[in-house]
Amino acid sequence: MRATGRKAWRQERRVAARGTRMISVLLFGPVAERARVSMLQFEHRSGLTLQQLRDELAASHPQAFEIVCFTAVNGEQARDPQLPLKDGDEVAFMARFSGG
């Protein structure tokens, strides 16, 4: 798992294209602010579930993940913590927000 900037993001995408199995992790709003990063690349491994990914990210970014209340996988809300993740999935974590 590595924090990425735009240049590093492109480099990691090239690495992923050569066979490394990766999951893209997006953090939004206060979650990104607390983690001080908005995008991460996480190496995929067989049998990885949404809950396992969340637990590993929460261990490295505890202040950010204490406010996560919404998770999406590939643009769809994900409520099942045992959802198996696949190579190339995009997982987004967000906090509660209000607006009008």
PDB file of N, CA and C in Angstrom:
ATOM      1  N   MET A   1       0.855  -1.164   0.000  1.00  0.00           N
ATOM      2  CA  MET A   1       0.000   0.000   0.000  1.00  0.00           C
ATOM      3  C   MET A   1       0.898   1.222   0.000  1.00  0.00           C
ATOM      4  N   ARG A   2       0.631   2.150  -0.918  1.00  0.00           N
ATOM      5  CA  ARG A   2       1.449   3.339  -1.029  1.00  0.00           C
ATOM      6  C   ARG A   2       0.572   4.536  -1.336  1.00  0.00           C
ATOM      7  N   ALA A   3       0.928   5.671  -0.736  1.00  0.00           N
ATOM      8  CA  ALA A   3       0.268   6.917  -1.107  1.00  0.00           C
ATOM      9  C   ALA A   3       0.775   7.317  -2.478  1.00  0.00           C
ATOM     10  N   THR A   4      -0.093   7.924  -3.259  1.00  0.00           N
ATOM     11  CA  THR A   4       0.325   8.251  -4.617  1.00  0.00           C
ATOM     12  C   THR A   4      -0.054   9.664  -4.991  1.00  0.00           C
ATOM     13  N   GLY A   5       0.799  10.306  -5.754  1.00  0.00           N
ATOM     14  CA  GLY A   5       0.500  11.567  -6.414  1.00  0.00           C
ATOM     15  C   GLY A   5       0.197  11.245  -7.865  1.00  0.00           C
ATOM     16  N   ARG A   6      -0.090  12.270  -8.659  1.00  0.00           N
ATOM     17  CA  ARG A   6      -0.478  12.036 -10.053  1.00  0.00           C
ATOM     18  C   ARG A   6       0.614  11.298 -10.826  1.00  0.00           C
ATOM     19  N   LYS A   7       1.876  11.728 -10.710  1.00  0.00           N
ATOM     20  CA  LYS A   7       2.969  11.078 -11.439  1.00  0.00           C
ATOM     21  C   LYS A   7       3.164   9.643 -10.949  1.00  0.00           C
ATOM     22  N   ALA A   8       3.180   9.458  -9.639  1.00  0.00           N
ATOM     23  CA  ALA A   8       3.346   8.116  -9.082  1.00  0.00           C
ATOM     24  C   ALA A   8       2.166   7.229  -9.453  1.00  0.00           C
ATOM     25  N   TRP A   9       0.971   7.820  -9.528  1.00  0.00           N
ATOM     26  CA  TRP A   9      -0.230   7.061  -9.899  1.00  0.00           C
ATOM     27  C   TRP A   9      -0.058   6.450 -11.288  1.00  0.00           C
ATOM     28  N   ARG A  10       0.420   7.252 -12.240  1.00  0.00           N
ATOM     29  CA  ARG A  10       0.635   6.733 -13.596  1.00  0.00           C
ATOM     30  C   ARG A  10       1.685   5.636 -13.590  1.00  0.00           C
ATOM     31  N   GLN A  11       2.743   5.829 -12.811  1.00  0.00           N
ATOM     32  CA  GLN A  11       3.800   4.822 -12.736  1.00  0.00           C
ATOM     33  C   GLN A  11       3.246   3.523 -12.162  1.00  0.00           C
ATOM     34  N   GLU A  12       2.435   3.604 -11.122  1.00  0.00           N
ATOM     35  CA  GLU A  12       1.886   2.396 -10.526  1.00  0.00           C
ATOM     36  C   GLU A  12       0.900   1.715 -11.461  1.00  0.00           C
ATOM     37  N   ARG A  13       0.191   2.484 -12.282  1.00  0.00           N
ATOM     38  CA  ARG A  13      -0.713   1.881 -13.257  1.00  0.00           C
ATOM     39  C   ARG A  13       0.085   1.067 -14.268  1.00  0.00           C
ATOM     40  N   ARG A  14       1.280   1.568 -14.648  1.00  0.00           N
ATOM     41  CA  ARG A  14       2.133   0.810 -15.569  1.00  0.00           C
ATOM     42  C   ARG A  14       2.603  -0.480 -14.911  1.00  0.00           C
ATOM     43  N   VAL A  15       2.965  -0.407 -13.632  1.00  0.00           N
ATOM     44  CA  VAL A  15       3.374  -1.613 -12.907  1.00  0.00           C
ATOM     45  C   VAL A  15       2.215  -2.593 -12.871  1.00  0.00           C
ATOM     46  N   ALA A  16       1.009  -2.093 -12.588  1.00  0.00           N
ATOM     47  CA  ALA A  16      -0.169  -2.956 -12.543  1.00  0.00           C
ATOM     48  C   ALA A  16      -0.412  -3.606 -13.898  1.00  0.00           C
ATOM     49  N   ALA A  17      -0.151  -2.873 -14.963  1.00  0.00           N
ATOM     50  CA  ALA A  17      -0.358  -3.421 -16.302  1.00  0.00           C
ATOM     51  C   ALA A  17       0.610  -4.560 -16.604  1.00  0.00           C
ATOM     52  N   ARG A  18       1.733  -4.606 -15.906  1.00  0.00           N
ATOM     53  CA  ARG A  18       2.716  -5.666 -16.132  1.00  0.00           C
ATOM     54  C   ARG A  18       2.436  -6.906 -15.290  1.00  0.00           C
ATOM     55  N   GLY A  19       1.362  -6.958 -14.575  1.00  0.00           N
ATOM     56  CA  GLY A  19       1.014  -8.184 -13.887  1.00  0.00           C
ATOM     57  C   GLY A  19       0.817  -8.082 -12.388  1.00  0.00           C
ATOM     58  N   THR A  20       1.188  -6.972 -11.761  1.00  0.00           N
ATOM     59  CA  THR A  20       0.935  -6.814 -10.339  1.00  0.00           C
ATOM     60  C   THR A  20      -0.563  -6.614 -10.151  1.00  0.00           C
ATOM     61  N   ARG A  21      -1.139  -7.338  -9.239  1.00  0.00           N
ATOM     62  CA  ARG A  21      -2.582  -7.259  -9.015  1.00  0.00           C
ATOM     63  C   ARG A  21      -2.859  -6.181  -7.977  1.00  0.00           C
ATOM     64  N   MET A  22      -3.607  -5.155  -8.378  1.00  0.00           N
ATOM     65  CA  MET A  22      -3.823  -4.004  -7.513  1.00  0.00           C
ATOM     66  C   MET A  22      -5.302  -3.670  -7.369  1.00  0.00           C
ATOM     67  N   ILE A  23      -5.611  -3.046  -6.237  1.00  0.00           N
ATOM     68  CA  ILE A  23      -6.922  -2.465  -5.973  1.00  0.00           C
ATOM     69  C   ILE A  23      -6.693  -0.975  -5.778  1.00  0.00           C
ATOM     70  N   SER A  24      -7.500  -0.159  -6.425  1.00  0.00           N
ATOM     71  CA  SER A  24      -7.425   1.292  -6.249  1.00  0.00           C
ATOM     72  C   SER A  24      -8.316   1.676  -5.082  1.00  0.00           C
ATOM     73  N   VAL A  25      -7.784   2.464  -4.169  1.00  0.00           N
ATOM     74  CA  VAL A  25      -8.539   2.924  -3.008  1.00  0.00           C
ATOM     75  C   VAL A  25      -8.641   4.443  -3.096  1.00  0.00           C
ATOM     76  N   LEU A  26      -9.868   4.945  -3.038  1.00  0.00           N
ATOM     77  CA  LEU A  26     -10.127   6.380  -3.080  1.00  0.00           C
ATOM     78  C   LEU A  26     -10.695   6.818  -1.736  1.00  0.00           C
ATOM     79  N   LEU A  27     -10.184   7.911  -1.209  1.00  0.00           N
ATOM     80  CA  LEU A  27     -10.669   8.477   0.048  1.00  0.00           C
ATOM     81  C   LEU A  27     -11.227   9.857  -0.261  1.00  0.00           C
ATOM     82  N   PHE A  28     -12.387  10.190   0.312  1.00  0.00           N
ATOM     83  CA  PHE A  28     -13.051  11.446   0.007  1.00  0.00           C
ATOM     84  C   PHE A  28     -13.287  12.282   1.258  1.00  0.00           C
ATOM     85  N   GLY A  29     -13.335  13.604   1.066  1.00  0.00           N
ATOM     86  CA  GLY A  29     -13.700  14.545   2.115  1.00  0.00           C
ATOM     87  C   GLY A  29     -12.846  14.431   3.354  1.00  0.00           C
ATOM     88  N   PRO A  30     -13.495  14.433   4.529  1.00  0.00           N
ATOM     89  CA  PRO A  30     -12.756  14.390   5.787  1.00  0.00           C
ATOM     90  C   PRO A  30     -11.890  13.131   5.950  1.00  0.00           C
ATOM     91  N   VAL A  31     -12.280  12.048   5.305  1.00  0.00           N
ATOM     92  CA  VAL A  31     -11.467  10.825   5.381  1.00  0.00           C
ATOM     93  C   VAL A  31     -10.117  11.086   4.717  1.00  0.00           C
ATOM     94  N   ALA A  32     -10.131  11.689   3.539  1.00  0.00           N
ATOM     95  CA  ALA A  32      -8.887  12.023   2.837  1.00  0.00           C
ATOM     96  C   ALA A  32      -8.076  13.054   3.620  1.00  0.00           C
ATOM     97  N   GLU A  33      -8.757  14.027   4.204  1.00  0.00           N
ATOM     98  CA  GLU A  33      -8.055  15.049   4.987  1.00  0.00           C
ATOM     99  C   GLU A  33      -7.325  14.428   6.167  1.00  0.00           C
ATOM    100  N   ARG A  34      -7.978  13.537   6.872  1.00  0.00           N
ATOM    101  CA  ARG A  34      -7.345  12.901   8.031  1.00  0.00           C
ATOM    102  C   ARG A  34      -6.222  11.949   7.634  1.00  0.00           C
ATOM    103  N   ALA A  35      -6.387  11.271   6.508  1.00  0.00           N
ATOM    104  CA  ALA A  35      -5.349  10.342   6.041  1.00  0.00           C
ATOM    105  C   ALA A  35      -4.217  11.080   5.327  1.00  0.00           C
ATOM    106  N   ARG A  36      -4.496  12.322   4.917  1.00  0.00           N
ATOM    107  CA  ARG A  36      -3.547  13.144   4.159  1.00  0.00           C
ATOM    108  C   ARG A  36      -3.171  12.530   2.816  1.00  0.00           C
ATOM    109  N   VAL A  37      -4.119  11.813   2.261  1.00  0.00           N
ATOM    110  CA  VAL A  37      -3.955  11.211   0.936  1.00  0.00           C
ATOM    111  C   VAL A  37      -5.350  10.922   0.395  1.00  0.00           C
ATOM    112  N   SER A  38      -5.525  11.029  -0.918  1.00  0.00           N
ATOM    113  CA  SER A  38      -6.841  10.757  -1.490  1.00  0.00           C
ATOM    114  C   SER A  38      -6.865   9.493  -2.345  1.00  0.00           C
ATOM    115  N   MET A  39      -5.694   8.996  -2.729  1.00  0.00           N
ATOM    116  CA  MET A  39      -5.628   7.769  -3.528  1.00  0.00           C
ATOM    117  C   MET A  39      -4.533   6.863  -2.987  1.00  0.00           C
ATOM    118  N   LEU A  40      -4.840   5.574  -2.951  1.00  0.00           N
ATOM    119  CA  LEU A  40      -3.866   4.557  -2.553  1.00  0.00           C
ATOM    120  C   LEU A  40      -3.957   3.397  -3.526  1.00  0.00           C
ATOM    121  N   GLN A  41      -2.870   2.705  -3.698  1.00  0.00           N
ATOM    122  CA  GLN A  41      -2.877   1.446  -4.442  1.00  0.00           C
ATOM    123  C   GLN A  41      -2.603   0.353  -3.419  1.00  0.00           C
ATOM    124  N   PHE A  42      -3.411  -0.674  -3.426  1.00  0.00           N
ATOM    125  CA  PHE A  42      -3.306  -1.758  -2.457  1.00  0.00           C
ATOM    126  C   PHE A  42      -3.126  -3.051  -3.234  1.00  0.00           C
ATOM    127  N   GLU A  43      -2.112  -3.807  -2.887  1.00  0.00           N
ATOM    128  CA  GLU A  43      -1.865  -5.051  -3.613  1.00  0.00           C
ATOM    129  C   GLU A  43      -2.960  -6.070  -3.309  1.00  0.00           C
ATOM    130  N   HIS A  44      -3.577  -6.576  -4.352  1.00  0.00           N
ATOM    131  CA  HIS A  44      -4.633  -7.569  -4.218  1.00  0.00           C
ATOM    132  C   HIS A  44      -4.022  -8.930  -3.912  1.00  0.00           C
ATOM    133  N   ARG A  45      -4.713  -9.686  -3.091  1.00  0.00           N
ATOM    134  CA  ARG A  45      -4.318 -11.075  -2.844  1.00  0.00           C
ATOM    135  C   ARG A  45      -5.579 -11.927  -2.828  1.00  0.00           C
ATOM    136  N   SER A  46      -5.422 -13.161  -3.149  1.00  0.00           N
ATOM    137  CA  SER A  46      -6.551 -14.082  -3.249  1.00  0.00           C
ATOM    138  C   SER A  46      -7.329 -14.133  -1.938  1.00  0.00           C
ATOM    139  N   GLY A  47      -8.649 -14.052  -2.037  1.00  0.00           N
ATOM    140  CA  GLY A  47      -9.512 -14.164  -0.871  1.00  0.00           C
ATOM    141  C   GLY A  47      -9.706 -12.874  -0.092  1.00  0.00           C
ATOM    142  N   LEU A  48      -9.136 -11.771  -0.552  1.00  0.00           N
ATOM    143  CA  LEU A  48      -9.252 -10.499   0.154  1.00  0.00           C
ATOM    144  C   LEU A  48     -10.707 -10.030   0.154  1.00  0.00           C
ATOM    145  N   THR A  49     -11.213  -9.678   1.338  1.00  0.00           N
ATOM    146  CA  THR A  49     -12.579  -9.169   1.459  1.00  0.00           C
ATOM    147  C   THR A  49     -12.554  -7.670   1.749  1.00  0.00           C
ATOM    148  N   LEU A  50     -13.704  -7.048   1.582  1.00  0.00           N
ATOM    149  CA  LEU A  50     -13.838  -5.630   1.865  1.00  0.00           C
ATOM    150  C   LEU A  50     -13.458  -5.335   3.319  1.00  0.00           C
ATOM    151  N   GLN A  51     -13.897  -6.166   4.250  1.00  0.00           N
ATOM    152  CA  GLN A  51     -13.588  -5.950   5.668  1.00  0.00           C
ATOM    153  C   GLN A  51     -12.089  -6.053   5.931  1.00  0.00           C
ATOM    154  N   GLN A  52     -11.420  -7.009   5.307  1.00  0.00           N
ATOM    155  CA  GLN A  52      -9.974  -7.144   5.493  1.00  0.00           C
ATOM    156  C   GLN A  52      -9.239  -5.915   4.971  1.00  0.00           C
ATOM    157  N   LEU A  53      -9.658  -5.425   3.813  1.00  0.00           N
ATOM    158  CA  LEU A  53      -9.046  -4.209   3.266  1.00  0.00           C
ATOM    159  C   LEU A  53      -9.264  -3.042   4.216  1.00  0.00           C
ATOM    160  N   ARG A  54     -10.501  -2.881   4.680  1.00  0.00           N
ATOM    161  CA  ARG A  54     -10.816  -1.779   5.596  1.00  0.00           C
ATOM    162  C   ARG A  54      -9.997  -1.884   6.875  1.00  0.00           C
ATOM    163  N   ASP A  55      -9.888  -3.080   7.437  1.00  0.00           N
ATOM    164  CA  ASP A  55      -9.117  -3.273   8.670  1.00  0.00           C
ATOM    165  C   ASP A  55      -7.649  -2.907   8.476  1.00  0.00           C
ATOM    166  N   GLU A  56      -7.075  -3.310   7.356  1.00  0.00           N
ATOM    167  CA  GLU A  56      -5.664  -3.007   7.100  1.00  0.00           C
ATOM    168  C   GLU A  56      -5.447  -1.511   6.898  1.00  0.00           C
ATOM    169  N   LEU A  57      -6.363  -0.862   6.197  1.00  0.00           N
ATOM    170  CA  LEU A  57      -6.246   0.579   6.013  1.00  0.00           C
ATOM    171  C   LEU A  57      -6.474   1.320   7.328  1.00  0.00           C
ATOM    172  N   ALA A  58      -7.414   0.844   8.137  1.00  0.00           N
ATOM    173  CA  ALA A  58      -7.689   1.475   9.430  1.00  0.00           C
ATOM    174  C   ALA A  58      -6.497   1.355  10.373  1.00  0.00           C
ATOM    175  N   ALA A  59      -5.737   0.287  10.262  1.00  0.00           N
ATOM    176  CA  ALA A  59      -4.549   0.125  11.102  1.00  0.00           C
ATOM    177  C   ALA A  59      -3.492   1.176  10.768  1.00  0.00           C
ATOM    178  N   SER A  60      -3.405   1.553   9.501  1.00  0.00           N
ATOM    179  CA  SER A  60      -2.395   2.539   9.112  1.00  0.00           C
ATOM    180  C   SER A  60      -2.921   3.978   9.116  1.00  0.00           C
ATOM    181  N   HIS A  61      -4.234   4.149   9.122  1.00  0.00           N
ATOM    182  CA  HIS A  61      -4.855   5.484   9.131  1.00  0.00           C
ATOM    183  C   HIS A  61      -6.025   5.495  10.119  1.00  0.00           C
ATOM    184  N   PRO A  62      -5.763   5.273  11.414  1.00  0.00           N
ATOM    185  CA  PRO A  62      -6.876   5.119  12.371  1.00  0.00           C
ATOM    186  C   PRO A  62      -7.787   6.339  12.487  1.00  0.00           C
ATOM    187  N   GLN A  63      -7.231   7.554  12.467  1.00  0.00           N
ATOM    188  CA  GLN A  63      -8.081   8.740  12.605  1.00  0.00           C
ATOM    189  C   GLN A  63      -9.004   8.898  11.406  1.00  0.00           C
ATOM    190  N   ALA A  64      -8.558   8.497  10.251  1.00  0.00           N
ATOM    191  CA  ALA A  64      -9.383   8.617   9.049  1.00  0.00           C
ATOM    192  C   ALA A  64     -10.519   7.604   9.061  1.00  0.00           C
ATOM    193  N   PHE A  65     -10.211   6.377   9.427  1.00  0.00           N
ATOM    194  CA  PHE A  65     -11.210   5.324   9.302  1.00  0.00           C
ATOM    195  C   PHE A  65     -12.206   5.280  10.450  1.00  0.00           C
ATOM    196  N   GLU A  66     -11.968   6.054  11.516  1.00  0.00           N
ATOM    197  CA  GLU A  66     -12.966   6.101  12.583  1.00  0.00           C
ATOM    198  C   GLU A  66     -14.209   6.869  12.148  1.00  0.00           C
ATOM    199  N   ILE A  67     -14.128   7.630  11.054  1.00  0.00           N
ATOM    200  CA  ILE A  67     -15.291   8.396  10.590  1.00  0.00           C
ATOM    201  C   ILE A  67     -15.897   7.851   9.297  1.00  0.00           C
ATOM    202  N   VAL A  68     -15.367   6.760   8.769  1.00  0.00           N
ATOM    203  CA  VAL A  68     -15.915   6.179   7.538  1.00  0.00           C
ATOM    204  C   VAL A  68     -17.302   5.620   7.815  1.00  0.00           C
ATOM    205  N   CYS A  69     -18.274   5.996   6.978  1.00  0.00           N
ATOM    206  CA  CYS A  69     -19.619   5.441   7.147  1.00  0.00           C
ATOM    207  C   CYS A  69     -20.238   5.013   5.818  1.00  0.00           C
ATOM    208  N   PHE A  70     -19.505   5.192   4.723  1.00  0.00           N
ATOM    209  CA  PHE A  70     -20.028   4.796   3.417  1.00  0.00           C
ATOM    210  C   PHE A  70     -18.885   4.207   2.608  1.00  0.00           C
ATOM    211  N   THR A  71     -19.146   3.055   2.008  1.00  0.00           N
ATOM    212  CA  THR A  71     -18.146   2.376   1.190  1.00  0.00           C
ATOM    213  C   THR A  71     -18.779   2.007  -0.140  1.00  0.00           C
ATOM    214  N   ALA A  72     -18.022   2.190  -1.202  1.00  0.00           N
ATOM    215  CA  ALA A  72     -18.483   1.807  -2.537  1.00  0.00           C
ATOM    216  C   ALA A  72     -17.401   0.975  -3.215  1.00  0.00           C
ATOM    217  N   VAL A  73     -17.841   0.000  -3.985  1.00  0.00           N
ATOM    218  CA  VAL A  73     -16.930  -0.810  -4.790  1.00  0.00           C
ATOM    219  C   VAL A  73     -17.367  -0.660  -6.241  1.00  0.00           C
ATOM    220  N   ASN A  74     -16.471  -0.189  -7.058  1.00  0.00           N
ATOM    221  CA  ASN A  74     -16.745   0.041  -8.481  1.00  0.00           C
ATOM    222  C   ASN A  74     -17.985   0.908  -8.696  1.00  0.00           C
ATOM    223  N   GLY A  75     -18.124   1.941  -7.847  1.00  0.00           N
ATOM    224  CA  GLY A  75     -19.207   2.900  -8.002  1.00  0.00           C
ATOM    225  C   GLY A  75     -20.539   2.496  -7.412  1.00  0.00           C
ATOM    226  N   GLU A  76     -20.613   1.331  -6.794  1.00  0.00           N
ATOM    227  CA  GLU A  76     -21.865   0.852  -6.187  1.00  0.00           C
ATOM    228  C   GLU A  76     -21.680   0.722  -4.676  1.00  0.00           C
ATOM    229  N   GLN A  77     -22.693   1.166  -3.907  1.00  0.00           N
ATOM    230  CA  GLN A  77     -22.598   1.052  -2.461  1.00  0.00           C
ATOM    231  C   GLN A  77     -22.366  -0.401  -2.068  1.00  0.00           C
ATOM    232  N   ALA A  78     -21.452  -0.606  -1.140  1.00  0.00           N
ATOM    233  CA  ALA A  78     -21.110  -1.956  -0.680  1.00  0.00           C
ATOM    234  C   ALA A  78     -21.411  -2.055   0.807  1.00  0.00           C
ATOM    235  N   ARG A  79     -22.350  -2.921   1.152  1.00  0.00           N
ATOM    236  CA  ARG A  79     -22.746  -3.085   2.554  1.00  0.00           C
ATOM    237  C   ARG A  79     -22.272  -4.399   3.150  1.00  0.00           C
ATOM    238  N   ASP A  80     -21.891  -5.337   2.309  1.00  0.00           N
ATOM    239  CA  ASP A  80     -21.467  -6.656   2.783  1.00  0.00           C
ATOM    240  C   ASP A  80     -19.971  -6.637   3.086  1.00  0.00           C
ATOM    241  N   PRO A  81     -19.588  -6.708   4.365  1.00  0.00           N
ATOM    242  CA  PRO A  81     -18.161  -6.673   4.698  1.00  0.00           C
ATOM    243  C   PRO A  81     -17.392  -7.885   4.171  1.00  0.00           C
ATOM    244  N   GLN A  82     -18.097  -8.962   3.870  1.00  0.00           N
ATOM    245  CA  GLN A  82     -17.432 -10.167   3.359  1.00  0.00           C
ATOM    246  C   GLN A  82     -17.369 -10.203   1.835  1.00  0.00           C
ATOM    247  N   LEU A  83     -17.710  -9.085   1.193  1.00  0.00           N
ATOM    248  CA  LEU A  83     -17.644  -8.999  -0.262  1.00  0.00           C
ATOM    249  C   LEU A  83     -16.217  -9.286  -0.726  1.00  0.00           C
ATOM    250  N   PRO A  84     -16.036 -10.285  -1.593  1.00  0.00           N
ATOM    251  CA  PRO A  84     -14.681 -10.560  -2.092  1.00  0.00           C
ATOM    252  C   PRO A  84     -14.262  -9.489  -3.101  1.00  0.00           C
ATOM    253  N   LEU A  85     -13.038  -9.029  -2.972  1.00  0.00           N
ATOM    254  CA  LEU A  85     -12.516  -8.026  -3.893  1.00  0.00           C
ATOM    255  C   LEU A  85     -11.702  -8.701  -4.982  1.00  0.00           C
ATOM    256  N   LYS A  86     -11.782  -8.104  -6.178  1.00  0.00           N
ATOM    257  CA  LYS A  86     -11.076  -8.655  -7.334  1.00  0.00           C
ATOM    258  C   LYS A  86      -9.974  -7.697  -7.767  1.00  0.00           C
ATOM    259  N   ASP A  87      -9.009  -8.247  -8.469  1.00  0.00           N
ATOM    260  CA  ASP A  87      -7.956  -7.443  -9.071  1.00  0.00           C
ATOM    261  C   ASP A  87      -8.591  -6.361  -9.939  1.00  0.00           C
ATOM    262  N   GLY A  88      -8.149  -5.125  -9.781  1.00  0.00           N
ATOM    263  CA  GLY A  88      -8.668  -4.023 -10.579  1.00  0.00           C
ATOM    264  C   GLY A  88      -9.860  -3.311  -9.977  1.00  0.00           C
ATOM    265  N   ASP A  89     -10.414  -3.813  -8.863  1.00  0.00           N
ATOM    266  CA  ASP A  89     -11.543  -3.136  -8.228  1.00  0.00           C
ATOM    267  C   ASP A  89     -11.129  -1.750  -7.751  1.00  0.00           C
ATOM    268  N   GLU A  90     -12.118  -0.860  -7.691  1.00  0.00           N
ATOM    269  CA  GLU A  90     -11.930   0.476  -7.146  1.00  0.00           C
ATOM    270  C   GLU A  90     -12.820   0.582  -5.911  1.00  0.00           C
ATOM    271  N   VAL A  91     -12.217   0.853  -4.765  1.00  0.00           N
ATOM    272  CA  VAL A  91     -12.947   0.924  -3.505  1.00  0.00           C
ATOM    273  C   VAL A  91     -12.856   2.354  -2.982  1.00  0.00           C
ATOM    274  N   ALA A  92     -14.006   2.932  -2.633  1.00  0.00           N
ATOM    275  CA  ALA A  92     -14.058   4.302  -2.126  1.00  0.00           C
ATOM    276  C   ALA A  92     -14.589   4.301  -0.700  1.00  0.00           C
ATOM    277  N   PHE A  93     -13.970   5.120   0.145  1.00  0.00           N
ATOM    278  CA  PHE A  93     -14.390   5.280   1.534  1.00  0.00           C
ATOM    279  C   PHE A  93     -14.732   6.745   1.763  1.00  0.00           C
ATOM    280  N   MET A  94     -15.900   6.983   2.384  1.00  0.00           N
ATOM    281  CA  MET A  94     -16.374   8.343   2.619  1.00  0.00           C
ATOM    282  C   MET A  94     -16.937   8.470   4.022  1.00  0.00           C
ATOM    283  N   ALA A  95     -16.939   9.706   4.508  1.00  0.00           N
ATOM    284  CA  ALA A  95     -17.561  10.020   5.793  1.00  0.00           C
ATOM    285  C   ALA A  95     -18.959  10.566   5.532  1.00  0.00           C
ATOM    286  N   ARG A  96     -19.720  10.660   6.590  1.00  0.00           N
ATOM    287  CA  ARG A  96     -21.040  11.291   6.492  1.00  0.00           C
ATOM    288  C   ARG A  96     -20.833  12.764   6.140  1.00  0.00           C
ATOM    289  N   PHE A  97     -21.675  13.275   5.286  1.00  0.00           N
ATOM    290  CA  PHE A  97     -21.590  14.685   4.925  1.00  0.00           C
ATOM    291  C   PHE A  97     -22.996  15.228   4.775  1.00  0.00           C
ATOM    292  N   SER A  98     -23.104  16.543   4.831  1.00  0.00           N
ATOM    293  CA  SER A  98     -24.419  17.160   4.652  1.00  0.00           C
ATOM    294  C   SER A  98     -24.298  18.269   3.624  1.00  0.00           C
ATOM    295  N   GLY A  99     -25.388  18.619   3.087  1.00  0.00           N
ATOM    296  CA  GLY A  99     -25.407  19.673   2.075  1.00  0.00           C
ATOM    297  C   GLY A  99     -26.820  19.868   1.583  1.00  0.00           C
ATOM    298  N   GLY A 100     -26.984  20.779   0.702  1.00  0.00           N
ATOM    299  CA  GLY A 100     -28.338  21.012   0.251  1.00  0.00           C
ATOM    300  C   GLY A 100     -28.421  21.518  -1.135  1.00  0.00           C
TER     301      GLY A 100
END
